[in-house]
Each structure stands twice: as structure tokens, then as C-alpha cells.
Amino acid sequence: MDATEEGALWEQHWRGETAAERMLYDLYEPLIRMVVGKSFKTIQSTDPDLFADLKQVGRLALLEAIRNFDPSKGSFSGYANRWIWGKCMHAFDAHNKQCAEASIDEPDEEGEIREVADHSPDHLETLTGSSQRRRASSALDRVRPAIYRDIVRWRAEQGISSRRIARSLGVSRLRVDGIYRKT
């Protein structure tokens, strides 16, 4: 589709024609696969249900982007990319917060409740007994989603740098550091 045809679609959409909105959605749908696939590529294999949810969030975000687009603010592709990425990151963070809240406490051998935070990666190195290390590792195994566990293990157990992890996941180093600190 050339720029003239696309411009005509936008004009029809702004006049309220729903068929034009659907055609614009179909035209830009590959952005969803590009943004979600690139930004959350490791989640596809570690948590396919979450990945499917993020793709659905991306679909809704694209539709919202089409409905809210103002051409005076730049190109639609850039606008839609930011919209899709932002909505997906918000959903991803909400999912992670929900999972973290679901696994805050765990009983220890004496039946007392200990916070999972007591077994954070910084504390793993200081735990002396193998029993303590097993409990800490067990707590880490319950941290969801899997990508958070992977980041903690790569940083704490394997000593891989945030920069290298970020590059392999396709996210920023600050994002990796934030996830590491949260977990």
C-alpha cells in the first residue's frame, strides 16, 4: 500500500468508517509481532502463556493507538511502537508484581514464616549451611516469572554482567538491574 492509499484510509477512519479502522489495524498488525517479539523474546520460551497475554495486550494497544493517533505528533509507526511497548511493559510489570505478592512468605523448617527477601541473591553468598542454601534456592524457584529467576541466577550464581544479560534479552541494562533488585 502506498502513502496515498494509506492517507485515504486515515481520512476514512477519521470520518468514522469502521472498515477503514480494520484495514489500518491489518496494515499495522506486524508491529505487534515486532515489538512484543523483540522486547519479550525470552518470555516466549520461558512463559508462553504470559507471552500470549502480552501479544493480546499489544493488539489492544494497536487499536487504541489507531483511535488516538494525531498526525501532527509524527509518524504512526513510531507512535504505535511506543504505545504497544508501553502497554506491554505495564502489563508485564503488573504480572510480575502480582506474582511477587503471591510468593512473599515461605515457612522455614521450624514452621516460622520467613520473607523471600531474606533469600535475595545478595544473601545467597552469605548463607553458610547447605540447608540454608537449599531453602534460599527453593524460594528463588518460586519467584515468578521465570525470566526473573533467570536474571537472578545469571547475576548471582554465574556472575554474568547486567550489560551482557540485557543484550541477550533485548532490554536495557537498567531494566535488568531493576529486576535483580526487586527479586
Protein backbone atom coordinates (compact mmCIF):
# COMPACT_ATOMS: atom_id res chain seq x y z
CA MET A 1 0.00 0.00 0.00
CA ASP A 2 1.44 3.37 -0.94
CA ALA A 3 1.31 6.57 1.10
CA THR A 4 -1.67 7.98 -0.84
CA GLU A 5 -3.79 4.90 -0.17
CA GLU A 6 -2.77 4.91 3.47
CA GLY A 7 -3.64 8.61 3.74
CA ALA A 8 -7.07 7.89 2.27
CA LEU A 9 -7.56 5.13 4.87
CA TRP A 10 -6.74 7.55 7.66
CA GLU A 11 -9.20 10.09 6.24
CA GLN A 12 -11.93 7.42 6.13
CA HIS A 13 -11.07 6.39 9.69
CA TRP A 14 -11.31 9.97 10.96
CA ARG A 15 -14.73 10.22 9.32
CA GLY A 16 -15.79 7.27 11.49
CA GLU A 17 -15.72 4.45 8.95
CA THR A 18 -15.06 1.24 10.91
CA ALA A 19 -13.94 -0.68 7.81
CA ALA A 20 -11.04 1.77 7.45
CA GLU A 21 -10.08 1.23 11.10
CA ARG A 22 -9.97 -2.52 10.49
CA MET A 23 -7.83 -2.05 7.38
CA LEU A 24 -5.41 0.19 9.31
CA TYR A 25 -5.25 -2.44 12.05
CA ASP A 26 -4.44 -5.15 9.48
CA LEU A 27 -1.83 -2.90 7.88
CA TYR A 28 0.00 -2.26 11.16
CA GLU A 29 -0.53 -5.61 12.88
CA PRO A 30 3.06 -6.72 12.10
CA LEU A 31 4.20 -4.02 14.57
CA ILE A 32 2.73 -6.13 17.37
CA ARG A 33 4.86 -9.14 16.48
CA MET A 34 7.91 -6.93 16.05
CA VAL A 35 7.55 -5.03 19.34
CA VAL A 36 6.39 -7.91 21.54
CA GLY A 37 8.69 -10.44 19.85
CA LYS A 38 11.76 -8.24 20.22
CA SER A 39 11.06 -6.83 23.67
CA PHE A 40 9.93 -10.09 25.26
CA LYS A 41 11.69 -12.74 23.16
CA THR A 42 12.92 -14.88 26.06
CA ILE A 43 9.48 -14.95 27.66
CA GLN A 44 8.15 -16.76 24.60
CA SER A 45 10.04 -19.90 25.61
CA THR A 46 10.05 -19.48 29.40
CA ASP A 47 6.42 -18.43 29.89
CA PRO A 48 4.34 -18.93 26.72
CA ASP A 49 1.08 -18.01 28.46
CA LEU A 50 2.48 -14.65 29.54
CA PHE A 51 3.85 -14.11 26.03
CA ALA A 52 0.39 -14.80 24.55
CA ASP A 53 -1.12 -12.35 27.06
CA LEU A 54 1.41 -9.70 26.04
CA LYS A 55 0.55 -10.20 22.38
CA GLN A 56 -3.11 -9.67 23.26
CA VAL A 57 -2.22 -6.50 25.16
CA GLY A 58 -0.28 -5.44 22.05
CA ARG A 59 -3.36 -5.98 19.88
CA LEU A 60 -5.48 -3.81 22.15
CA ALA A 61 -2.73 -1.20 22.30
CA LEU A 62 -2.54 -1.03 18.50
CA LEU A 63 -6.28 -0.47 18.32
CA GLU A 64 -6.01 2.29 20.96
CA ALA A 65 -3.09 3.82 19.06
CA ILE A 66 -5.14 3.91 15.85
CA ARG A 67 -8.04 5.55 17.67
CA ASN A 68 -5.87 8.12 19.46
CA PHE A 69 -3.36 8.97 16.73
CA ASP A 70 -2.76 12.63 15.98
CA PRO A 71 -0.75 13.05 12.75
CA SER A 72 0.69 16.35 13.99
CA LYS A 73 2.76 14.33 16.51
CA GLY A 74 4.79 12.41 13.92
CA SER A 75 4.61 9.08 12.12
CA PHE A 76 2.09 6.48 13.11
CA SER A 77 4.66 3.65 13.18
CA GLY A 78 6.76 5.37 15.84
CA TYR A 79 3.66 6.34 17.81
CA ALA A 80 2.24 2.81 17.67
CA ASN A 81 5.59 1.26 18.63
CA ARG A 82 5.76 3.40 21.77
CA TRP A 83 2.09 2.76 22.57
CA ILE A 84 2.38 -1.03 22.17
CA TRP A 85 5.67 -1.21 24.09
CA GLY A 86 4.34 0.96 26.93
CA LYS A 87 1.13 -1.01 27.36
CA CYS A 88 3.01 -4.34 27.23
CA MET A 89 5.60 -3.17 29.78
CA HIS A 90 2.80 -2.01 32.07
CA ALA A 91 1.11 -5.42 31.78
CA PHE A 92 4.44 -7.21 32.28
CA ASP A 93 5.20 -5.20 35.41
CA ALA A 94 1.67 -5.77 36.76
CA HIS A 95 2.04 -9.52 36.17
CA ASN A 96 5.40 -9.57 37.95
CA LYS A 97 4.08 -7.56 40.88
CA GLN A 98 1.13 -9.93 41.22
CA CYS A 99 3.43 -12.96 41.13
CA ALA A 100 5.80 -11.42 43.65
CA GLU A 101 2.95 -10.63 46.03
CA ALA A 102 1.71 -14.21 45.73
CA SER A 103 5.05 -15.59 46.91
CA ILE A 104 6.13 -13.14 49.60
CA ASP A 105 6.36 -15.57 52.53
CA GLU A 106 7.50 -19.14 52.94
CA PRO A 107 7.62 -21.40 56.00
CA ASP A 108 11.05 -22.49 57.19
CA GLU A 109 11.93 -25.84 58.78
CA GLU A 110 10.62 -24.71 62.17
CA GLY A 111 7.30 -23.62 60.64
CA GLU A 112 8.08 -19.93 61.04
CA ILE A 113 7.33 -17.56 58.18
CA ARG A 114 10.40 -16.04 56.58
CA GLU A 115 10.31 -13.47 53.86
CA VAL A 116 11.65 -14.49 50.47
CA ALA A 117 13.55 -11.20 50.56
CA ASP A 118 15.75 -12.80 53.23
CA HIS A 119 16.94 -15.13 50.49
CA SER A 120 17.77 -12.49 47.91
CA PRO A 121 20.86 -13.11 45.77
CA ASP A 122 23.00 -10.82 47.93
CA HIS A 123 22.21 -13.09 50.87
CA LEU A 124 22.80 -16.33 48.94
CA GLU A 125 26.55 -15.78 49.10
CA THR A 126 26.49 -15.27 52.87
CA LEU A 127 24.40 -18.33 53.74
CA THR A 128 26.64 -20.88 55.39
CA GLY A 129 24.81 -24.18 55.70
CA SER A 130 23.73 -26.27 52.76
CA SER A 131 20.25 -26.39 54.33
CA GLN A 132 20.06 -22.60 54.20
CA ARG A 133 21.25 -22.56 50.57
CA ARG A 134 18.66 -25.18 49.60
CA ARG A 135 15.86 -23.16 51.23
CA ALA A 136 17.07 -19.99 49.52
CA SER A 137 17.28 -21.77 46.18
CA SER A 138 13.81 -23.22 46.75
CA ALA A 139 12.44 -19.74 47.45
CA LEU A 140 14.11 -18.47 44.30
CA ASP A 141 12.47 -21.27 42.30
CA ARG A 142 9.06 -19.96 43.34
CA VAL A 143 9.78 -16.43 42.13
CA ARG A 144 7.72 -15.77 39.03
CA PRO A 145 8.04 -15.18 36.16
CA ALA A 146 10.83 -17.46 35.03
CA ILE A 147 12.76 -14.62 33.42
CA TYR A 148 13.21 -13.03 36.86
CA ARG A 149 14.64 -16.30 38.19
CA ASP A 150 16.96 -16.48 35.20
CA ILE A 151 18.24 -12.94 35.71
CA VAL A 152 18.91 -13.59 39.41
CA ARG A 153 20.69 -16.86 38.68
CA TRP A 154 22.77 -15.38 35.87
CA ARG A 155 23.83 -12.44 38.05
CA ALA A 156 24.22 -14.11 41.46
CA GLU A 157 25.26 -17.65 40.66
CA GLN A 158 27.04 -17.31 37.33
CA GLY A 159 28.36 -13.75 37.71
CA ILE A 160 27.16 -12.62 34.27
CA SER A 161 27.12 -8.84 33.91
CA SER A 162 23.90 -6.84 33.63
CA ARG A 163 25.06 -5.49 30.30
CA ARG A 164 25.53 -8.97 28.84
CA ILE A 165 22.17 -10.18 30.20
CA ALA A 166 20.42 -7.08 28.85
CA ARG A 167 21.97 -7.55 25.43
CA SER A 168 20.88 -11.19 25.25
CA LEU A 169 17.32 -10.36 26.40
CA GLY A 170 16.98 -7.28 24.22
CA VAL A 171 16.23 -4.98 27.16
CA SER A 172 18.15 -2.18 28.85
CA ARG A 173 20.79 -2.76 31.50
CA LEU A 174 18.76 -0.59 33.87
CA ARG A 175 15.79 -2.91 33.40
CA VAL A 176 17.92 -5.93 34.29
CA ASP A 177 19.29 -4.15 37.37
CA GLY A 178 15.75 -3.18 38.42
CA ILE A 179 14.52 -6.75 38.12
CA TYR A 180 17.56 -8.01 40.04
CA ARG A 181 16.96 -5.53 42.88
CA LYS A 182 13.20 -6.32 43.04
CA THR A 183 13.82 -10.03 43.23
